[in-house]
Protein backbone atom coordinates (compact mmCIF):
# COMPACT_ATOMS: atom_id res chain seq x y z
CA MET A 1 -39.35 -58.57 111.11
CA GLU A 2 -39.64 -62.21 112.86
CA LEU A 3 -37.55 -64.87 114.35
CA ARG A 4 -36.80 -68.18 112.69
CA VAL A 5 -35.84 -70.95 114.84
CA GLU A 6 -34.13 -74.15 113.84
CA THR A 7 -33.07 -76.78 116.06
CA LEU A 8 -29.46 -77.54 115.95
CA TYR A 9 -29.23 -80.42 118.63
CA GLU A 10 -31.15 -82.73 121.00
CA THR A 11 -30.23 -84.78 123.84
CA LYS A 12 -32.56 -86.71 126.34
CA ASN A 13 -30.10 -87.82 129.10
CA LEU A 14 -26.96 -85.64 129.48
CA ARG A 15 -27.47 -82.02 130.05
CA ILE A 16 -25.75 -79.46 127.53
CA ILE A 17 -23.32 -77.12 129.00
CA ASP A 18 -22.38 -74.95 126.14
CA ALA A 19 -22.57 -75.10 122.37
CA ASP A 20 -21.21 -73.15 119.35
CA VAL A 21 -21.82 -72.57 115.49
CA LEU A 22 -19.44 -71.66 112.99
CA GLY A 23 -20.70 -72.00 109.06
CA ASP A 24 -21.86 -75.34 108.85
CA ASP A 25 -20.45 -76.66 111.74
CA ARG A 26 -22.27 -77.05 115.20
CA ILE A 27 -20.65 -78.54 118.53
CA VAL A 28 -21.84 -79.16 122.01
CA ILE A 29 -20.36 -79.98 125.24
CA LEU A 30 -22.31 -82.63 127.37
CA ASP A 31 -22.13 -82.81 131.18
CA GLU A 32 -20.75 -85.98 132.32
CA ASN A 33 -17.83 -87.04 134.77
CA CYS A 34 -16.06 -87.12 131.47
CA PRO A 35 -17.03 -84.17 129.24
CA ILE A 36 -18.59 -85.27 125.88
CA VAL A 37 -18.18 -83.38 122.86
CA HIS A 38 -20.59 -83.71 119.87
CA TRP A 39 -19.13 -81.91 116.76
CA ASN A 40 -21.07 -82.68 113.71
CA GLU A 41 -20.96 -86.78 113.49
CA ARG A 42 -17.91 -87.16 115.80
CA LYS A 43 -17.96 -87.76 119.72
CA LEU A 44 -15.13 -86.91 121.43
CA ARG A 45 -14.46 -87.78 125.25
CA LEU A 46 -12.33 -85.13 126.99
CA GLN A 47 -9.91 -86.13 129.66
CA LEU A 48 -10.34 -83.10 131.43
CA HIS A 49 -11.85 -82.15 134.88
CA LEU A 50 -13.94 -78.83 134.06
CA SER A 51 -16.18 -76.91 136.24
CA SER A 52 -18.36 -74.74 133.92
CA PRO A 53 -16.55 -74.26 130.40
CA PHE A 54 -17.05 -72.57 127.45
CA ILE A 55 -16.65 -74.24 123.80
CA ARG A 56 -15.92 -72.36 120.47
CA LEU A 57 -14.91 -73.44 116.99
CA LEU A 58 -11.94 -72.24 116.05
CA ASP A 59 -12.11 -73.37 112.22
CA SER A 60 -13.26 -76.84 110.85
CA LYS A 61 -10.56 -78.85 112.51
CA THR A 62 -10.13 -77.27 115.83
CA PHE A 63 -12.11 -76.09 118.72
CA LEU A 64 -11.38 -74.27 122.06
CA VAL A 65 -12.55 -75.27 125.76
CA VAL A 66 -12.23 -72.71 128.28
CA ASP A 67 -13.28 -73.05 131.87
CA VAL A 68 -14.48 -70.44 134.02
CA THR A 69 -13.25 -71.80 137.24
CA MET A 70 -12.18 -69.39 140.01
CA GLU A 71 -9.44 -71.75 141.29
CA GLY A 72 -5.90 -70.75 140.80
CA THR A 73 -5.17 -73.45 138.18
CA ALA A 74 -1.98 -73.17 136.01
CA ILE A 75 -4.14 -74.28 132.86
CA ASN A 76 -7.70 -73.60 132.13
CA ALA A 77 -7.74 -73.17 128.20
CA TRP A 78 -7.32 -76.05 125.68
CA VAL A 79 -7.10 -76.10 121.76
CA ILE A 80 -7.91 -79.55 120.58
CA ASP A 81 -8.43 -80.94 117.23
CA GLU A 82 -10.84 -83.42 115.57
CA ARG A 83 -9.32 -86.28 117.04
CA GLY A 84 -9.42 -85.00 120.66
CA SER A 85 -5.66 -84.54 120.65
CA ILE A 86 -4.63 -81.06 123.05
CA LEU A 87 -2.67 -78.89 120.66
CA HIS A 88 -2.21 -75.98 123.01
CA SER A 89 -3.09 -75.47 126.64
CA PHE A 90 -2.51 -72.21 128.77
CA HIS A 91 -3.96 -70.08 131.79
CA ALA A 92 -6.50 -67.71 130.39
CA GLY A 93 -7.32 -65.94 133.88
CA ASN A 94 -10.18 -66.59 136.29
CA ALA A 95 -13.72 -65.39 136.59
CA ILE A 96 -14.17 -65.74 132.72
CA GLY A 97 -17.49 -64.18 131.68
CA ALA A 98 -17.58 -64.52 127.83
CA VAL A 99 -15.32 -65.93 125.20
CA ALA A 100 -15.22 -64.92 121.38
CA VAL A 101 -13.02 -66.13 119.07
CA ASN A 102 -11.96 -64.83 115.26
CA ASP A 103 -9.05 -64.72 113.17
CA THR A 104 -7.36 -62.24 115.16
CA GLY A 105 -7.39 -64.26 118.06
CA ILE A 106 -9.05 -65.66 121.14
CA TRP A 107 -11.18 -62.73 123.29
CA ILE A 108 -11.47 -63.51 126.84
CA GLY A 109 -13.88 -61.27 128.78
CA TYR A 110 -14.06 -61.46 132.65
CA ALA A 111 -16.80 -60.79 135.12
CA ASP A 112 -16.56 -58.29 138.09
CA GLU A 113 -14.61 -60.86 140.30
CA GLY A 114 -11.86 -61.07 137.76
CA VAL A 115 -11.89 -57.31 137.03
CA PHE A 116 -11.31 -56.39 140.61
CA GLY A 117 -9.07 -59.86 141.46
CA GLU A 118 -5.66 -60.21 140.55
CA GLY A 119 -3.47 -61.32 137.70
CA ILE A 120 -4.76 -61.03 133.94
CA SER A 121 -8.51 -61.08 134.68
CA SER A 122 -7.88 -57.58 136.17
CA GLU A 123 -7.43 -56.64 132.48
CA ALA A 124 -10.98 -56.89 131.96
CA LEU A 125 -10.61 -58.00 128.14
CA VAL A 126 -7.51 -59.99 126.88
CA CYS A 127 -6.73 -61.15 123.34
CA PHE A 128 -4.76 -64.62 123.29
CA SER A 129 -3.23 -66.12 120.27
CA ARG A 130 -4.18 -69.83 119.85
CA THR A 131 -1.05 -71.13 121.52
CA GLY A 132 -1.63 -68.86 124.55
CA GLU A 133 0.42 -65.86 123.80
CA VAL A 134 -1.08 -62.47 125.19
CA LEU A 135 -1.77 -60.25 122.10
CA GLN A 136 -3.57 -57.53 123.75
CA ARG A 137 -4.49 -56.40 127.50
CA TYR A 138 -7.56 -53.98 127.54
CA GLN A 139 -6.55 -51.75 130.63
CA SER A 140 -2.70 -51.61 129.72
CA ASP A 141 -2.80 -51.56 126.12
CA VAL A 142 -5.46 -49.42 125.11
CA VAL A 143 -5.16 -45.57 125.23
CA ARG A 144 -7.58 -43.89 127.76
CA PRO A 145 -10.11 -46.95 127.53
CA PRO A 146 -13.60 -46.77 128.90
CA THR A 147 -14.16 -48.07 132.13
CA ILE A 148 -15.20 -51.61 132.11
CA VAL A 149 -16.18 -53.22 135.59
CA ASP A 150 -17.36 -56.59 133.84
CA CYS A 151 -16.91 -58.00 130.16
CA GLU A 152 -19.81 -60.67 129.93
CA LEU A 153 -21.73 -59.02 126.75
CA LEU A 154 -19.07 -59.86 124.05
CA GLN A 155 -19.30 -60.77 120.40
CA ALA A 156 -16.40 -60.93 117.36
CA ASP A 157 -16.42 -59.37 114.54
CA ARG A 158 -13.60 -59.82 111.43
CA THR A 159 -10.90 -57.85 113.29
CA GLY A 160 -11.64 -57.65 116.67
CA VAL A 161 -14.67 -57.41 119.01
CA TRP A 162 -17.74 -55.40 120.23
CA LEU A 163 -18.85 -55.43 123.96
CA CYS A 164 -21.38 -53.53 126.24
CA PRO A 165 -20.23 -53.64 129.87
CA SER A 166 -22.61 -52.76 132.82
CA ILE A 167 -22.65 -49.67 134.50
CA TRP A 168 -21.58 -47.02 131.88
CA TYR A 169 -23.25 -49.10 129.08
CA ASP A 170 -21.22 -47.79 126.51
CA LEU A 171 -21.22 -49.75 123.18
CA ILE A 172 -17.44 -50.65 122.41
CA GLN A 173 -15.90 -51.84 119.40
CA ILE A 174 -11.79 -52.78 119.74
CA ASP A 175 -9.50 -53.96 117.24
CA LEU A 176 -6.39 -55.47 117.77
CA ASN A 177 -4.56 -52.47 117.29
CA GLY A 178 -6.59 -51.00 120.06
CA ARG A 179 -8.65 -48.99 118.22
CA LEU A 180 -11.84 -47.69 119.73
CA ASN A 181 -15.49 -46.70 118.62
CA THR A 182 -17.64 -45.86 121.42
CA TYR A 183 -21.31 -45.30 121.37
CA LYS A 184 -23.62 -44.38 124.05
CA THR A 185 -26.19 -46.94 124.58
CA PRO A 186 -29.67 -45.96 125.24
CA LYS A 187 -31.33 -46.64 128.75
CA LEU A 188 -33.93 -48.90 127.34
CA LEU A 189 -30.92 -51.45 126.39
CA HIS A 190 -28.95 -51.29 129.62
CA ASP A 191 -28.89 -54.72 131.30
CA SER A 192 -29.43 -56.82 128.23
CA SER A 193 -28.46 -60.39 128.19
CA ALA A 194 -27.61 -60.64 124.58
CA LEU A 195 -26.15 -58.85 121.73
CA THR A 196 -25.13 -59.31 118.16
CA ILE A 197 -24.20 -56.70 115.83
CA GLN A 198 -24.73 -56.70 111.99
CA GLY A 199 -23.23 -53.84 110.25
CA GLN A 200 -23.97 -50.72 111.94
CA VAL A 201 -27.51 -52.40 113.68
CA GLY A 202 -27.31 -53.82 117.07
CA TYR A 203 -29.92 -56.34 118.28
CA PHE A 204 -30.22 -56.77 121.87
CA VAL A 205 -32.21 -59.30 124.00
CA LYS A 206 -33.74 -58.18 127.37
CA ASN A 207 -36.69 -59.03 129.37
CA GLY A 208 -37.96 -61.47 126.77
CA TRP A 209 -37.79 -58.86 123.74
CA LEU A 210 -35.39 -57.98 120.66
CA TYR A 211 -34.62 -54.84 120.05
CA LYS A 212 -33.36 -53.15 117.20
CA TRP A 213 -30.93 -50.33 117.65
CA PRO A 214 -29.17 -48.55 114.30
CA PHE A 215 -26.40 -47.09 116.13
CA GLY A 216 -24.67 -46.08 112.95
CA ALA A 217 -27.73 -43.87 111.58
CA ARG A 218 -27.95 -42.58 115.39
CA LYS A 219 -31.50 -43.71 115.75
CA ARG A 220 -33.31 -44.94 118.89
CA PRO A 221 -33.95 -48.63 119.29
CA ASP A 222 -37.10 -50.26 118.75
CA VAL A 223 -38.73 -53.46 119.66
CA VAL A 224 -38.83 -56.28 116.80
CA THR A 225 -40.28 -59.11 118.39
CA GLU A 226 -40.96 -61.25 121.60
CA PHE A 227 -37.52 -63.48 122.23
CA LEU A 228 -38.06 -66.19 125.05
CA GLY A 229 -35.14 -68.00 126.39
CA THR A 230 -31.50 -67.30 126.98
CA ALA A 231 -29.61 -66.67 123.99
CA ARG A 232 -25.80 -65.64 122.80
CA GLY A 233 -25.14 -63.53 120.03
CA LEU A 234 -23.44 -64.96 116.85
CA GLY A 235 -20.87 -62.95 114.63
CA GLU A 236 -21.66 -61.13 111.42
CA GLY A 237 -21.79 -63.67 108.42
CA GLU A 238 -22.68 -66.50 110.27
CA PRO A 239 -26.03 -68.47 109.26
CA PHE A 240 -27.77 -67.36 112.66
CA HIS A 241 -28.12 -64.28 114.52
CA PHE A 242 -28.08 -66.15 118.01
CA ILE A 243 -27.68 -69.48 119.67
CA GLN A 244 -30.09 -70.47 122.30
CA ILE A 245 -28.73 -73.13 124.67
CA GLY A 246 -30.94 -74.97 126.78
CA ASP A 247 -30.45 -77.79 129.16
CA TYR A 248 -31.50 -80.32 126.51
CA GLU A 249 -31.68 -78.53 123.18
CA VAL A 250 -29.58 -76.06 121.16
CA SER A 251 -31.48 -73.68 118.42
CA GLY A 252 -30.32 -71.44 115.98
CA VAL A 253 -32.07 -67.97 115.76
CA GLN A 254 -32.23 -65.92 112.31
CA ILE A 255 -33.87 -62.49 112.17
CA VAL A 256 -35.59 -62.07 109.05
CA ASP A 257 -37.90 -59.67 106.99
CA ARG A 258 -41.77 -60.88 107.02
């Protein structure tokens, strides 16, 4: 196996904060006093004050911005259309560590400051509707859930999400009905920085290397190849397996057989 890397976006002046890929769509949010969004051929100026936002594509006509802020702000999540109009806004909790979206909803994972804090963040993982309605709370709604002290390694699938929290390191699959599948993650993969699940195989990025773990076949993980730079795993069915976001460049990374 090898990695095929494709540059998706480049800039020389403004720093890239976050980016996302959904099918053929690419979206990037740039750092300025008034944040700028580049979405394919569109350029939108957001009239929002943001500290460190996430951006995710919901579909071909709408996207999501979520701010990580620790402040007790009333609103820190916005669903925005292709004209830059805010369709919905809501409070998504504080100390946000990860954001994943699918047809089921908007899944928000929280860092340990939120899990051990107050309010909705103490649920560790929450699924919201696109209008901000709480659909599922991990700690309160799931029966005997594995303990989560942070939820920063998160990837959506068709019906729910995969996550691999630190400390106990179980690989967990959960859907909106609260059904759980758990797999004991090998020690070699503990403290990975990125994760993507493809079928019954997990690909983990750790310390500059990509590992393949066929957890469905109960096999041990193997090194695939060197993997430099920070990355975030993308959902199954996307043209790329990972997205890499640098200060001035966004790339898609595809795992291919030689």
